[in-house]
Every structure is written in structure tokens, then in C-alpha cells.
Amino acid sequence: MLAVKRIYVEGFGDDAISKQLQAMVVNALAESKRFIITENKDKADAIPKGTGLEKTAQEFHAIGDATSVVTAAGGEHGEINGQISNGNGSISCSTDGGFVARKLATADSQASTEIVNDPRLAVRPVSTDGDVI
């Protein structure tokens, strides 16, 4: 690698991601200031060979929350009175009653879909005579 001065970067594929990866490799090599990037394959000391791949996945995320409050009450009162006097009788009766019921409920949910892109690049430096450096 110490003898390599000029590098020609071939394409890693015909799709958009491969072309973007190629541009990133050219940019990284140029920023290193260690190599001269050439567009002339015949003048190159090395030609990085590789392949680009993009793995795309879809992820589904869901979350839910719920709250519920219930109250119930009840009551009853009953009374019977009886009285007998000289063969005559009297009966009195009274009742009370009641009931209260309450319910409160709330629910919330959220769902989202996310597309995750995972680009990958495998590169090996190859000399102009075909040897891997």
C-alpha cells in the first residue's frame, strides 16, 4: 500500500445506493490526502474492488394506554310495624332505597411504521496487475 499513489474507484453497482457509496469512498480517499484520485484507469496504481448492498426493513411500533374508574353504591331500608288492639289490627310499612353507579374510561393508542435502511460496502484494494494489496 505504501507504493500506491493514484487510485481509480470503479462503480460498486448500478443502483443509486451503490453509486452513493462509490462517491463516499472517493470523498473519503480524497480527504485523507494520502492518495491522488484519478478518473483514468490506466494511470492508477490501485483500483478498489467491492460491492455495495442496501438492506431495507420495515418496523412496526405500537403503544397503548388505558385508564378506567368504576364506583358503585347502594342502600335499602325497610320497616314493618304491627299493632293489634281488641281484635283490630294495624300495620305500617316504610321503605327507603337508592343506588348510584359511575364509570369513567379513557384509552389511547399510537402506531407507527418506520423504514430502516442499512447500506453496506465491502472493498478490497487491488493492484493494476490484479493482486489484492
N, C-alpha and C. Protein backbone atom coordinates (compact mmCIF):
# COMPACT_ATOMS: atom_id res chain seq x y z
N MET A 1 0.82 -1.20 0.00
CA MET A 1 0.00 0.00 0.00
C MET A 1 0.86 1.26 0.00
N LEU A 2 2.10 1.15 0.48
CA LEU A 2 2.95 2.34 0.52
C LEU A 2 3.32 2.82 -0.88
N ALA A 3 3.37 1.91 -1.86
CA ALA A 3 3.71 2.29 -3.23
C ALA A 3 2.52 2.87 -3.99
N VAL A 4 1.34 2.76 -3.45
CA VAL A 4 0.14 3.24 -4.13
C VAL A 4 0.03 4.75 -3.95
N LYS A 5 -0.01 5.45 -5.07
CA LYS A 5 -0.17 6.91 -5.07
C LYS A 5 -1.49 7.33 -5.73
N ARG A 6 -1.80 6.70 -6.86
CA ARG A 6 -3.00 7.05 -7.63
C ARG A 6 -4.02 5.92 -7.52
N ILE A 7 -5.27 6.31 -7.26
CA ILE A 7 -6.35 5.32 -7.13
C ILE A 7 -7.50 5.69 -8.06
N TYR A 8 -7.97 4.69 -8.76
CA TYR A 8 -9.18 4.81 -9.60
C TYR A 8 -10.29 4.01 -8.90
N VAL A 9 -11.42 4.64 -8.62
CA VAL A 9 -12.51 3.98 -7.92
C VAL A 9 -13.60 3.61 -8.93
N GLU A 10 -13.74 2.30 -9.16
CA GLU A 10 -14.80 1.82 -10.05
C GLU A 10 -16.14 1.86 -9.32
N GLY A 11 -17.20 1.71 -10.11
CA GLY A 11 -18.53 1.63 -9.51
C GLY A 11 -18.72 0.33 -8.76
N PHE A 12 -19.57 0.36 -7.72
CA PHE A 12 -19.86 -0.83 -6.92
C PHE A 12 -21.19 -1.46 -7.30
N GLY A 13 -21.85 -0.89 -8.28
CA GLY A 13 -23.14 -1.40 -8.73
C GLY A 13 -23.87 -0.31 -9.50
N ASP A 14 -25.00 -0.69 -10.10
CA ASP A 14 -25.74 0.27 -10.93
C ASP A 14 -26.86 0.99 -10.20
N ASP A 15 -27.20 0.53 -9.00
CA ASP A 15 -28.31 1.16 -8.28
C ASP A 15 -27.84 2.45 -7.60
N ALA A 16 -28.79 3.24 -7.16
CA ALA A 16 -28.49 4.55 -6.57
C ALA A 16 -27.64 4.45 -5.32
N ILE A 17 -27.91 3.47 -4.48
CA ILE A 17 -27.13 3.32 -3.24
C ILE A 17 -25.68 2.98 -3.55
N SER A 18 -25.44 2.09 -4.50
CA SER A 18 -24.06 1.73 -4.87
C SER A 18 -23.31 2.94 -5.40
N LYS A 19 -23.98 3.77 -6.18
CA LYS A 19 -23.34 4.97 -6.71
C LYS A 19 -23.04 5.97 -5.60
N GLN A 20 -23.94 6.04 -4.63
CA GLN A 20 -23.71 6.93 -3.50
C GLN A 20 -22.54 6.43 -2.65
N LEU A 21 -22.44 5.12 -2.46
CA LEU A 21 -21.32 4.55 -1.72
C LEU A 21 -19.99 4.80 -2.45
N GLN A 22 -20.01 4.70 -3.78
CA GLN A 22 -18.81 4.99 -4.56
C GLN A 22 -18.37 6.44 -4.33
N ALA A 23 -19.31 7.36 -4.36
CA ALA A 23 -18.99 8.77 -4.14
C ALA A 23 -18.43 8.99 -2.73
N MET A 24 -18.95 8.26 -1.76
CA MET A 24 -18.45 8.38 -0.39
C MET A 24 -17.01 7.86 -0.27
N VAL A 25 -16.70 6.77 -0.96
CA VAL A 25 -15.34 6.23 -0.95
C VAL A 25 -14.38 7.22 -1.60
N VAL A 26 -14.76 7.77 -2.74
CA VAL A 26 -13.92 8.76 -3.43
C VAL A 26 -13.68 9.95 -2.51
N ASN A 27 -14.73 10.42 -1.85
CA ASN A 27 -14.62 11.56 -0.96
C ASN A 27 -13.70 11.26 0.23
N ALA A 28 -13.84 10.08 0.83
CA ALA A 28 -13.01 9.70 1.98
C ALA A 28 -11.54 9.59 1.58
N LEU A 29 -11.27 9.00 0.42
CA LEU A 29 -9.89 8.87 -0.05
C LEU A 29 -9.28 10.25 -0.36
N ALA A 30 -10.08 11.13 -0.96
CA ALA A 30 -9.59 12.47 -1.28
C ALA A 30 -9.31 13.27 -0.01
N GLU A 31 -10.16 13.13 0.99
CA GLU A 31 -9.97 13.86 2.25
C GLU A 31 -8.76 13.36 3.03
N SER A 32 -8.35 12.11 2.81
CA SER A 32 -7.19 11.58 3.52
C SER A 32 -5.90 12.24 3.05
N LYS A 33 -5.91 12.83 1.87
CA LYS A 33 -4.75 13.48 1.25
C LYS A 33 -3.54 12.55 1.11
N ARG A 34 -3.78 11.26 1.24
CA ARG A 34 -2.73 10.26 1.08
C ARG A 34 -2.62 9.81 -0.37
N PHE A 35 -3.74 9.88 -1.11
CA PHE A 35 -3.80 9.37 -2.48
C PHE A 35 -4.27 10.46 -3.44
N ILE A 36 -3.93 10.23 -4.70
CA ILE A 36 -4.47 11.05 -5.79
C ILE A 36 -5.58 10.22 -6.42
N ILE A 37 -6.77 10.80 -6.52
CA ILE A 37 -7.90 10.10 -7.14
C ILE A 37 -7.86 10.45 -8.63
N THR A 38 -7.87 9.42 -9.45
CA THR A 38 -7.81 9.63 -10.89
C THR A 38 -9.05 9.06 -11.57
N GLU A 39 -9.43 9.70 -12.66
CA GLU A 39 -10.54 9.21 -13.48
C GLU A 39 -10.01 8.35 -14.63
N ASN A 40 -8.69 8.23 -14.74
CA ASN A 40 -8.06 7.45 -15.80
C ASN A 40 -7.59 6.12 -15.20
N LYS A 41 -8.27 5.07 -15.56
CA LYS A 41 -7.98 3.73 -15.02
C LYS A 41 -6.55 3.28 -15.34
N ASP A 42 -6.04 3.68 -16.51
CA ASP A 42 -4.70 3.26 -16.94
C ASP A 42 -3.59 3.91 -16.12
N LYS A 43 -3.83 5.05 -15.50
CA LYS A 43 -2.82 5.73 -14.70
C LYS A 43 -2.82 5.31 -13.23
N ALA A 44 -3.78 4.49 -12.84
CA ALA A 44 -3.94 4.13 -11.42
C ALA A 44 -2.94 3.08 -10.98
N ASP A 45 -2.51 3.20 -9.71
CA ASP A 45 -1.66 2.19 -9.08
C ASP A 45 -2.53 1.10 -8.42
N ALA A 46 -3.75 1.48 -8.05
CA ALA A 46 -4.66 0.53 -7.40
C ALA A 46 -6.10 0.89 -7.76
N ILE A 47 -6.92 -0.14 -7.77
CA ILE A 47 -8.34 0.02 -8.08
C ILE A 47 -9.13 -0.72 -6.99
N PRO A 48 -9.78 0.00 -6.09
CA PRO A 48 -10.60 -0.69 -5.09
C PRO A 48 -11.75 -1.45 -5.76
N LYS A 49 -11.89 -2.70 -5.43
CA LYS A 49 -12.98 -3.53 -5.96
C LYS A 49 -13.91 -3.85 -4.80
N GLY A 50 -15.16 -3.91 -5.07
CA GLY A 50 -16.09 -4.22 -4.00
C GLY A 50 -17.52 -4.28 -4.47
N THR A 51 -18.37 -4.34 -3.52
CA THR A 51 -19.79 -4.40 -3.81
C THR A 51 -20.56 -3.62 -2.75
N GLY A 52 -21.62 -2.99 -3.19
CA GLY A 52 -22.49 -2.26 -2.28
C GLY A 52 -23.82 -2.97 -2.15
N LEU A 53 -24.38 -2.90 -0.98
CA LEU A 53 -25.63 -3.59 -0.71
C LEU A 53 -26.45 -2.75 0.24
N GLU A 54 -27.74 -2.67 -0.02
CA GLU A 54 -28.64 -1.98 0.90
C GLU A 54 -29.70 -2.95 1.37
N LYS A 55 -29.81 -3.08 2.67
CA LYS A 55 -30.85 -3.91 3.26
C LYS A 55 -31.91 -2.97 3.83
N THR A 56 -33.14 -3.15 3.40
CA THR A 56 -34.24 -2.31 3.86
C THR A 56 -35.22 -3.16 4.63
N ALA A 57 -35.62 -2.66 5.78
CA ALA A 57 -36.58 -3.37 6.62
C ALA A 57 -37.66 -2.39 7.06
N GLN A 58 -38.82 -2.92 7.35
CA GLN A 58 -39.92 -2.10 7.83
C GLN A 58 -40.25 -2.55 9.26
N GLU A 59 -40.24 -1.58 10.17
CA GLU A 59 -40.52 -1.88 11.58
C GLU A 59 -41.85 -1.25 11.97
N PHE A 60 -42.65 -2.01 12.72
CA PHE A 60 -43.94 -1.53 13.20
C PHE A 60 -43.85 -1.34 14.71
N HIS A 61 -44.21 -0.15 15.18
CA HIS A 61 -44.18 0.16 16.61
C HIS A 61 -45.59 0.53 17.06
N ALA A 62 -46.03 -0.03 18.19
CA ALA A 62 -47.35 0.28 18.73
C ALA A 62 -47.25 0.41 20.24
N ILE A 63 -48.04 1.33 20.78
CA ILE A 63 -48.10 1.54 22.22
C ILE A 63 -49.54 1.88 22.59
N GLY A 64 -49.97 1.41 23.74
CA GLY A 64 -51.34 1.67 24.18
C GLY A 64 -51.39 1.93 25.66
N ASP A 65 -52.39 2.71 26.09
CA ASP A 65 -52.55 3.06 27.49
C ASP A 65 -54.05 3.19 27.76
N ALA A 66 -54.49 2.70 28.89
CA ALA A 66 -55.92 2.77 29.22
C ALA A 66 -56.08 3.00 30.72
N THR A 67 -57.13 3.74 31.08
CA THR A 67 -57.48 4.01 32.48
C THR A 67 -58.98 3.82 32.63
N SER A 68 -59.38 3.24 33.73
CA SER A 68 -60.81 3.02 33.98
C SER A 68 -61.08 3.21 35.47
N VAL A 69 -62.17 3.92 35.82
CA VAL A 69 -62.58 4.13 37.20
C VAL A 69 -64.04 3.73 37.30
N VAL A 70 -64.38 2.91 38.29
CA VAL A 70 -65.76 2.46 38.48
C VAL A 70 -66.14 2.71 39.93
N THR A 71 -67.33 3.25 40.18
CA THR A 71 -67.85 3.46 41.52
C THR A 71 -69.26 2.89 41.58
N ALA A 72 -69.57 2.24 42.65
CA ALA A 72 -70.93 1.72 42.83
C ALA A 72 -71.34 1.95 44.28
N ALA A 73 -72.61 2.22 44.51
CA ALA A 73 -73.13 2.41 45.87
C ALA A 73 -74.53 1.83 45.92
N GLY A 74 -75.02 1.55 47.08
CA GLY A 74 -76.38 1.04 47.19
C GLY A 74 -76.85 1.16 48.62
N GLY A 75 -78.10 1.07 48.83
CA GLY A 75 -78.62 1.14 50.17
C GLY A 75 -80.10 0.77 50.16
N GLU A 76 -80.60 0.30 51.30
CA GLU A 76 -82.01 -0.04 51.39
C GLU A 76 -82.41 -0.02 52.86
N HIS A 77 -83.59 0.40 53.11
CA HIS A 77 -84.14 0.42 54.47
C HIS A 77 -85.57 -0.08 54.39
N GLY A 78 -85.91 -1.00 55.23
CA GLY A 78 -87.28 -1.50 55.25
C GLY A 78 -87.77 -1.62 56.69
N GLU A 79 -89.06 -1.37 56.92
CA GLU A 79 -89.60 -1.42 58.27
C GLU A 79 -91.07 -1.83 58.20
N ILE A 80 -91.46 -2.74 59.07
CA ILE A 80 -92.86 -3.16 59.18
C ILE A 80 -93.24 -3.08 60.66
N ASN A 81 -94.29 -2.39 60.95
CA ASN A 81 -94.81 -2.28 62.31
C ASN A 81 -96.20 -2.88 62.36
N GLY A 82 -96.48 -3.59 63.37
CA GLY A 82 -97.82 -4.16 63.51
C GLY A 82 -98.38 -3.91 64.91
N GLN A 83 -99.67 -3.73 65.02
CA GLN A 83 -100.29 -3.46 66.29
C GLN A 83 -101.68 -4.11 66.30
N ILE A 84 -101.96 -4.81 67.36
CA ILE A 84 -103.28 -5.44 67.50
C ILE A 84 -103.89 -4.94 68.80
N SER A 85 -105.09 -4.43 68.73
CA SER A 85 -105.77 -3.96 69.94
C SER A 85 -107.26 -4.30 69.82
N ASN A 86 -107.72 -5.08 70.72
CA ASN A 86 -109.12 -5.51 70.79
C ASN A 86 -109.59 -6.17 69.50
N GLY A 87 -108.74 -6.93 68.93
CA GLY A 87 -109.13 -7.62 67.72
C GLY A 87 -108.97 -6.78 66.47
N ASN A 88 -108.69 -5.57 66.66
CA ASN A 88 -108.44 -4.71 65.50
C ASN A 88 -106.92 -4.62 65.32
N GLY A 89 -106.51 -4.68 64.17
CA GLY A 89 -105.07 -4.64 63.92
C GLY A 89 -104.69 -3.52 62.97
N SER A 90 -103.50 -3.08 63.09
CA SER A 90 -102.99 -2.09 62.16
C SER A 90 -101.54 -2.43 61.80
N ILE A 91 -101.19 -2.20 60.61
CA ILE A 91 -99.82 -2.48 60.12
C ILE A 91 -99.32 -1.23 59.41
N SER A 92 -98.11 -0.85 59.70
CA SER A 92 -97.49 0.24 58.95
C SER A 92 -96.21 -0.27 58.30
N CYS A 93 -95.89 0.27 57.19
CA CYS A 93 -94.73 -0.22 56.43
C CYS A 93 -94.04 0.98 55.82
N SER A 94 -92.72 1.01 55.85
CA SER A 94 -91.97 2.06 55.17
C SER A 94 -90.71 1.46 54.54
N THR A 95 -90.34 1.96 53.41
CA THR A 95 -89.11 1.50 52.74
C THR A 95 -88.35 2.71 52.21
N ASP A 96 -87.06 2.62 52.21
CA ASP A 96 -86.19 3.59 51.59
C ASP A 96 -85.21 2.81 50.70
N GLY A 97 -84.73 3.38 49.69
CA GLY A 97 -83.77 2.68 48.85
C GLY A 97 -83.02 3.66 47.96
N GLY A 98 -81.97 3.22 47.35
CA GLY A 98 -81.23 4.07 46.42
C GLY A 98 -80.02 3.32 45.87
N PHE A 99 -79.51 3.87 44.79
CA PHE A 99 -78.32 3.26 44.17
C PHE A 99 -77.65 4.31 43.29
N VAL A 100 -76.34 4.37 43.31
CA VAL A 100 -75.57 5.28 42.47
C VAL A 100 -74.49 4.46 41.78
N ALA A 101 -74.29 4.68 40.51
CA ALA A 101 -73.22 3.99 39.78
C ALA A 101 -72.54 4.99 38.85
N ARG A 102 -71.23 4.94 38.79
CA ARG A 102 -70.47 5.82 37.91
C ARG A 102 -69.39 5.00 37.22
N LYS A 103 -69.04 5.38 36.00
CA LYS A 103 -67.95 4.73 35.29
C LYS A 103 -67.27 5.76 34.42
N LEU A 104 -65.94 5.78 34.41
CA LEU A 104 -65.15 6.66 33.58
C LEU A 104 -64.05 5.83 32.95
N ALA A 105 -63.90 5.90 31.68
CA ALA A 105 -62.86 5.13 30.99
C ALA A 105 -62.22 6.00 29.92
N THR A 106 -60.93 5.84 29.75
CA THR A 106 -60.22 6.53 28.68
C THR A 106 -59.15 5.58 28.12
N ALA A 107 -58.92 5.65 26.85
CA ALA A 107 -57.93 4.79 26.20
C ALA A 107 -57.19 5.60 25.14
N ASP A 108 -55.92 5.30 24.98
CA ASP A 108 -55.10 5.99 24.00
C ASP A 108 -54.16 4.97 23.38
N SER A 109 -54.00 5.04 22.08
CA SER A 109 -53.06 4.15 21.41
C SER A 109 -52.40 4.89 20.27
N GLN A 110 -51.22 4.42 19.92
CA GLN A 110 -50.44 5.05 18.86
C GLN A 110 -49.70 3.95 18.11
N ALA A 111 -49.66 4.08 16.80
CA ALA A 111 -48.93 3.11 15.98
C ALA A 111 -48.16 3.86 14.90
N SER A 112 -46.97 3.37 14.58
CA SER A 112 -46.17 3.98 13.52
C SER A 112 -45.36 2.91 12.80
N THR A 113 -45.04 3.20 11.58
CA THR A 113 -44.22 2.32 10.77
C THR A 113 -42.96 3.08 10.38
N GLU A 114 -41.81 2.43 10.53
CA GLU A 114 -40.54 3.06 10.22
C GLU A 114 -39.79 2.19 9.22
N ILE A 115 -39.25 2.83 8.20
CA ILE A 115 -38.43 2.11 7.22
C ILE A 115 -36.96 2.34 7.59
N VAL A 116 -36.24 1.25 7.77
CA VAL A 116 -34.84 1.30 8.20
C VAL A 116 -33.97 0.86 7.02
N ASN A 117 -33.06 1.73 6.61
CA ASN A 117 -32.11 1.41 5.54
C ASN A 117 -30.76 1.10 6.17
N ASP A 118 -30.15 0.02 5.71
CA ASP A 118 -28.86 -0.41 6.23
C ASP A 118 -27.91 -0.63 5.06
N PRO A 119 -27.22 0.45 4.59
CA PRO A 119 -26.29 0.27 3.47
C PRO A 119 -24.99 -0.35 3.96
N ARG A 120 -24.43 -1.23 3.13
CA ARG A 120 -23.16 -1.88 3.47
C ARG A 120 -22.24 -1.86 2.25
N LEU A 121 -20.95 -1.82 2.53
CA LEU A 121 -19.96 -1.77 1.48
C LEU A 121 -18.78 -2.66 1.86
N ALA A 122 -18.38 -3.50 0.93
CA ALA A 122 -17.19 -4.34 1.12
C ALA A 122 -16.21 -3.98 0.01
N VAL A 123 -15.00 -3.55 0.41
CA VAL A 123 -14.00 -3.07 -0.56
C VAL A 123 -12.65 -3.73 -0.25
N ARG A 124 -11.94 -4.07 -1.32
CA ARG A 124 -10.58 -4.58 -1.18
C ARG A 124 -9.70 -3.84 -2.21
N PRO A 125 -8.51 -3.42 -1.81
CA PRO A 125 -7.62 -2.75 -2.76
C PRO A 125 -6.93 -3.77 -3.68
N VAL A 126 -6.95 -3.49 -4.96
CA VAL A 126 -6.36 -4.40 -5.95
C VAL A 126 -5.38 -3.61 -6.80
N SER A 127 -4.17 -4.20 -7.00
CA SER A 127 -3.18 -3.53 -7.86
C SER A 127 -3.61 -3.66 -9.32
N THR A 128 -2.98 -2.87 -10.18
CA THR A 128 -3.35 -2.88 -11.61
C THR A 128 -3.03 -4.22 -12.28
N ASP A 129 -2.14 -5.04 -11.68
CA ASP A 129 -1.88 -6.36 -12.25
C ASP A 129 -2.81 -7.43 -11.69
N GLY A 130 -3.78 -7.02 -10.81
CA GLY A 130 -4.80 -7.95 -10.35
C GLY A 130 -4.57 -8.54 -8.97
N ASP A 131 -3.48 -8.21 -8.31
CA ASP A 131 -3.19 -8.75 -6.98
C ASP A 131 -3.90 -7.91 -5.91
N VAL A 132 -4.45 -8.60 -4.92
CA VAL A 132 -5.04 -7.89 -3.79
C VAL A 132 -3.91 -7.37 -2.93
N ILE A 133 -3.94 -6.10 -2.65
CA ILE A 133 -2.86 -5.46 -1.87
C ILE A 133 -3.14 -5.61 -0.38
